[in-house]
Structure formats: C-alpha cells, structure tokens
C-alpha cells in the first residue's frame, strides 16, 4: 500500500485526473467488449473519437501519448476491471484520435508451438507508446487477406 500511495503522490493533479479518466474509460471499454465484441467496440471508439482535421504528431504529442499510455497501464493494473492490453490499447487509441492525432492500433500473434499468444499495442509516428511494448517485437501484426493488389499488405487493424 505504501508504494501505491507514494506513486499516487508522485503524480501531479493533471496526471491524477487522467488516471481517474483512464480507469473510467477502461471500465467502459471492458463493458463494450463484453456486450458488442471487438469489431463493434472498435467502430464505436472510432466514431466517438473522430476528428475532421487530423494532424501529424509533434515530439510533444508523442511524449504526451507515452504519458497517457503509462497512465492507462497503471489504471489497468489497479482499476476495477481486468484491463488487458487490448482494453488499454483501445482506450489510448481513442484518446489520441480525439486529440486529432493519427495513431495505429495493432493486434499481433506470437508464432510458437505452444498456446496461442496475442498482444495489442498502439503506435504513434511509428513508435510504440509503452516501453514494455518493445519487448513484444516477437508479436507479428495481423494482416488482412488482400482483396486486390492495391491492398496487399494492409494491416488488419490500421
């Protein structure tokens, strides 16, 4: 309990507010996934976070996105629901889109002989937002089956 309280105190008021919003958002994402499934939840996140004039991310935007992803991970570990990487990624993806940024949501599989392992992560300007996501390089992004030659290597979750 002492480390959690020390971690809370280390956050400024803005970060504490974002942490609380992340915890609430993760609860909503959890419920949406349970009720609607992945595809409809993703469509809802995209519809709710749509901006008319997306813009490229500045270095400050990337740093803010990394802080947001870190806070979503903290909320995921200590929140009211089991917030897997998919839930956290959908939350961060929607939040960044609502700021007018153009994040990429990835789903990946780990090729192995054992049980199936999957991971979800968000990239902004080609950078994975959580430092721990770099350890997941063995997860290969899922790709859509091409409908025609112009869409050959389009990721399944662009």
Protein backbone atom coordinates (compact mmCIF):
# COMPACT_ATOMS: atom_id res chain seq x y z
CA UNK A 1 0.00 0.00 0.00
CA UNK A 2 2.89 2.35 0.77
CA UNK A 3 4.31 2.18 -2.75
CA UNK A 4 0.91 2.77 -4.32
CA UNK A 5 0.37 5.83 -2.17
CA UNK A 6 3.87 7.08 -2.99
CA UNK A 7 3.15 6.52 -6.69
CA UNK A 8 -0.11 8.47 -6.38
CA UNK A 9 1.66 11.33 -4.63
CA UNK A 10 4.32 11.42 -7.35
CA UNK A 11 1.64 12.26 -9.93
CA UNK A 12 0.68 15.88 -10.48
CA UNK A 13 -3.00 16.85 -10.37
CA UNK A 14 -3.42 16.66 -14.13
CA UNK A 15 -1.97 13.13 -14.21
CA UNK A 16 -4.22 12.10 -11.31
CA UNK A 17 -7.23 13.32 -13.27
CA UNK A 18 -6.09 11.47 -16.38
CA UNK A 19 -5.54 8.33 -14.30
CA UNK A 20 -9.11 8.54 -12.99
CA UNK A 21 -10.43 9.08 -16.53
CA UNK A 22 -8.41 6.10 -17.73
CA UNK A 23 -9.92 3.91 -15.00
CA UNK A 24 -13.43 5.01 -16.03
CA UNK A 25 -12.66 4.60 -19.71
CA UNK A 26 -11.28 1.10 -19.21
CA UNK A 27 -14.48 0.12 -17.44
CA UNK A 28 -16.48 1.36 -20.43
CA UNK A 29 -14.22 -0.42 -22.93
CA UNK A 30 -14.48 -3.62 -20.87
CA UNK A 31 -18.29 -3.45 -20.91
CA UNK A 32 -18.39 -2.65 -24.64
CA UNK A 33 -16.15 -5.59 -25.49
CA UNK A 34 -18.30 -7.91 -23.39
CA UNK A 35 -21.54 -6.69 -24.95
CA UNK A 36 -20.54 -5.80 -28.51
CA UNK A 37 -17.37 -7.71 -29.31
CA UNK A 38 -14.15 -6.33 -30.77
CA UNK A 39 -15.29 -5.08 -34.18
CA UNK A 40 -18.29 -3.09 -32.97
CA UNK A 41 -16.35 -1.75 -29.99
CA UNK A 42 -13.58 -0.56 -32.26
CA UNK A 43 -16.08 1.06 -34.61
CA UNK A 44 -17.72 2.81 -31.63
CA UNK A 45 -14.33 4.06 -30.39
CA UNK A 46 -13.53 5.37 -33.86
CA UNK A 47 -16.93 7.04 -34.24
CA UNK A 48 -16.69 8.71 -30.84
CA UNK A 49 -13.13 9.90 -31.41
CA UNK A 50 -13.44 11.12 -34.99
CA UNK A 51 -11.79 14.46 -35.78
CA UNK A 52 -12.18 16.33 -39.04
CA UNK A 53 -8.62 17.62 -39.32
CA UNK A 54 -6.10 15.00 -38.22
CA UNK A 55 -2.55 16.29 -37.92
CA UNK A 56 0.92 14.84 -37.62
CA UNK A 57 2.27 14.30 -34.14
CA UNK A 58 4.88 16.66 -32.78
CA UNK A 59 7.56 15.42 -30.36
CA UNK A 60 5.46 16.92 -27.56
CA UNK A 61 2.42 14.97 -28.77
CA UNK A 62 4.41 11.73 -28.73
CA UNK A 63 5.66 12.42 -25.19
CA UNK A 64 2.10 13.19 -24.03
CA UNK A 65 0.86 10.00 -25.71
CA UNK A 66 3.54 7.98 -23.91
CA UNK A 67 2.43 9.50 -20.58
CA UNK A 68 -1.19 8.65 -21.40
CA UNK A 69 -0.26 5.05 -22.27
CA UNK A 70 1.67 4.77 -19.00
CA UNK A 71 -1.33 6.06 -17.03
CA UNK A 72 -3.66 3.65 -18.88
CA UNK A 73 -1.34 0.80 -17.93
CA UNK A 74 -1.39 1.89 -14.27
CA UNK A 75 -5.19 2.15 -14.34
CA UNK A 76 -5.29 -1.27 -15.99
CA UNK A 77 -3.27 -2.84 -13.19
CA UNK A 78 -5.14 -1.16 -10.33
CA UNK A 79 -8.61 -0.48 -11.72
CA UNK A 80 -11.98 -2.09 -11.19
CA UNK A 81 -11.81 -4.35 -14.27
CA UNK A 82 -9.25 -6.68 -15.80
CA UNK A 83 -7.72 -4.32 -18.31
CA UNK A 84 -5.77 -6.37 -20.79
CA UNK A 85 -3.52 -4.86 -23.42
CA UNK A 86 -6.49 -4.82 -25.82
CA UNK A 87 -8.61 -2.71 -23.48
CA UNK A 88 -5.74 -0.34 -22.74
CA UNK A 89 -4.87 -0.03 -26.43
CA UNK A 90 -8.43 0.74 -27.46
CA UNK A 91 -8.62 3.43 -24.78
CA UNK A 92 -5.33 5.08 -25.80
CA UNK A 93 -6.19 4.76 -29.50
CA UNK A 94 -9.50 6.58 -28.99
CA UNK A 95 -7.99 9.27 -26.77
CA UNK A 96 -5.26 10.05 -29.29
CA UNK A 97 -7.73 10.15 -32.18
CA UNK A 98 -9.90 12.60 -30.23
CA UNK A 99 -6.85 14.88 -29.99
CA UNK A 100 -6.61 14.90 -33.78
CA UNK A 101 -3.64 12.54 -33.94
CA UNK A 102 -3.33 9.51 -36.20
CA UNK A 103 -2.37 6.52 -34.04
CA UNK A 104 -2.19 2.94 -35.33
CA UNK A 105 -3.77 0.14 -33.35
CA UNK A 106 -2.04 -3.20 -33.84
CA UNK A 107 -3.01 -6.73 -32.94
CA UNK A 108 -0.29 -9.32 -33.16
CA UNK A 109 0.29 -13.03 -32.70
CA UNK A 110 3.35 -14.73 -31.35
CA UNK A 111 4.43 -17.62 -33.53
CA UNK A 112 5.05 -20.54 -31.23
CA UNK A 113 4.45 -24.24 -30.93
CA UNK A 114 2.69 -23.75 -27.60
CA UNK A 115 -0.53 -21.95 -26.76
CA UNK A 116 -1.67 -19.03 -28.86
CA UNK A 117 -0.42 -15.69 -27.53
CA UNK A 118 -1.68 -12.32 -28.70
CA UNK A 119 -0.85 -8.70 -27.91
CA UNK A 120 -2.37 -5.31 -28.74
CA UNK A 121 -0.43 -2.06 -28.88
CA UNK A 122 -0.67 1.48 -30.18
CA UNK A 123 1.95 3.28 -32.26
CA UNK A 124 2.20 6.98 -32.94
CA UNK A 125 4.59 8.10 -35.66
CA UNK A 126 5.99 4.57 -35.79
CA UNK A 127 6.83 4.49 -32.07
CA UNK A 128 5.29 2.04 -29.66
CA UNK A 129 3.99 4.07 -26.78
CA UNK A 130 4.85 1.85 -23.81
CA UNK A 131 8.49 0.94 -23.13
CA UNK A 132 7.43 -2.64 -22.41
CA UNK A 133 5.91 -2.96 -25.86
CA UNK A 134 9.41 -3.11 -27.34
CA UNK A 135 9.77 -6.50 -25.64
CA UNK A 136 6.82 -7.70 -27.69
CA UNK A 137 8.65 -7.44 -31.01
CA UNK A 138 8.09 -11.18 -31.44
CA UNK A 139 4.39 -10.45 -31.95
CA UNK A 140 3.75 -10.17 -35.65
CA UNK A 141 0.95 -7.78 -36.65
CA UNK A 142 -2.06 -9.47 -38.20
CA UNK A 143 -2.58 -8.63 -41.85
CA UNK A 144 -5.73 -8.64 -43.93
CA UNK A 145 -6.09 -11.05 -46.76
CA UNK A 146 -5.72 -8.83 -49.86
CA UNK A 147 -8.89 -8.19 -51.85
CA UNK A 148 -6.89 -6.80 -54.72
CA UNK A 149 -3.30 -5.83 -55.50
CA UNK A 150 -3.66 -2.28 -54.14
CA UNK A 151 -4.36 -3.52 -50.59
CA UNK A 152 -1.78 -6.29 -50.43
CA UNK A 153 -0.01 -5.61 -47.13
CA UNK A 154 -2.57 -3.54 -45.26
CA UNK A 155 -2.58 -4.43 -41.56
CA UNK A 156 -5.83 -5.80 -40.22
CA UNK A 157 -6.11 -3.04 -37.62
CA UNK A 158 -4.75 0.13 -39.21
